[in-house]
Amino acid sequence: MKTTQTTLSILALGAALALAACQPAEGPAERAGKQIDQAAEKVGDQVEKAGEKIEDKAKEIKKDLSN
């Protein structure tokens, strides 16, 4: 009885691992989504850099006006 349970457990684990390893190939929509995500991240980085430059210029102008 114990041997049967052990054998079934090993088979179930093997089947689960085999199914987990068989992921379908990435489709065109998924690739496009990843590209959109990457583009949005790049835009966000550029906006952040622009904001930092604006902040630096504002500090510079404030300093010049106070002198």
Protein backbone atom coordinates (compact mmCIF):
# COMPACT_ATOMS: atom_id res chain seq x y z
CA MET A 1 0.00 0.00 0.00
CA LYS A 2 2.77 2.43 0.95
CA THR A 3 4.73 1.59 -2.19
CA THR A 4 1.67 2.37 -4.34
CA GLN A 5 1.21 5.78 -2.69
CA THR A 6 4.89 6.59 -3.12
CA THR A 7 4.80 5.56 -6.77
CA LEU A 8 1.67 7.63 -7.42
CA SER A 9 3.20 10.61 -5.65
CA ILE A 10 6.35 10.39 -7.77
CA LEU A 11 4.29 10.09 -10.96
CA ALA A 12 2.12 13.07 -9.99
CA LEU A 13 5.18 15.17 -9.22
CA GLY A 14 6.79 14.18 -12.52
CA ALA A 15 3.63 15.06 -14.44
CA ALA A 16 3.40 18.43 -12.70
CA LEU A 17 7.02 19.23 -13.54
CA ALA A 18 6.56 18.14 -17.14
CA LEU A 19 3.49 20.36 -17.55
CA ALA A 20 5.22 23.33 -15.96
CA ALA A 21 8.11 23.03 -18.40
CA CYS A 22 5.81 23.08 -21.45
CA GLN A 23 4.97 26.75 -21.76
CA PRO A 24 3.54 27.83 -25.09
CA ALA A 25 5.69 30.00 -27.33
CA GLU A 26 5.35 33.75 -26.87
CA GLY A 27 2.80 35.16 -29.30
CA PRO A 28 2.90 38.45 -31.20
CA ALA A 29 0.59 40.21 -28.74
CA GLU A 30 2.81 39.28 -25.82
CA ARG A 31 5.92 40.49 -27.65
CA ALA A 32 4.16 43.75 -28.53
CA GLY A 33 3.12 44.18 -24.90
CA LYS A 34 6.71 43.74 -23.74
CA GLN A 35 7.90 46.31 -26.27
CA ILE A 36 5.24 48.75 -25.08
CA ASP A 37 6.34 48.20 -21.48
CA GLN A 38 9.97 48.87 -22.40
CA ALA A 39 9.05 52.02 -24.34
CA ALA A 40 6.94 53.31 -21.45
CA GLU A 41 9.82 52.71 -19.06
CA LYS A 42 12.20 54.65 -21.31
CA VAL A 43 9.73 57.53 -21.59
CA GLY A 44 9.35 57.56 -17.82
CA ASP A 45 13.12 57.76 -17.39
CA GLN A 46 13.33 60.66 -19.84
CA VAL A 47 10.49 62.53 -18.11
CA GLU A 48 12.25 62.06 -14.79
CA LYS A 49 15.50 63.44 -16.23
CA ALA A 50 13.65 66.42 -17.71
CA GLY A 51 12.01 67.09 -14.35
CA GLU A 52 15.38 67.06 -12.63
CA LYS A 53 16.77 69.52 -15.19
CA ILE A 54 13.78 71.84 -14.71
CA GLU A 55 14.24 71.66 -10.95
CA ASP A 56 17.95 72.48 -11.28
CA LYS A 57 17.19 75.46 -13.55
CA ALA A 58 14.52 76.72 -11.17
CA LYS A 59 17.00 76.60 -8.28
CA GLU A 60 19.55 78.40 -10.42
CA ILE A 61 17.08 81.15 -11.35
CA LYS A 62 15.97 81.51 -7.74
CA LYS A 63 19.59 81.87 -6.68
CA ASP A 64 20.25 84.49 -9.39
CA LEU A 65 17.15 86.47 -8.40
CA SER A 66 18.09 86.52 -4.74
CA ASN A 67 21.49 88.05 -5.51
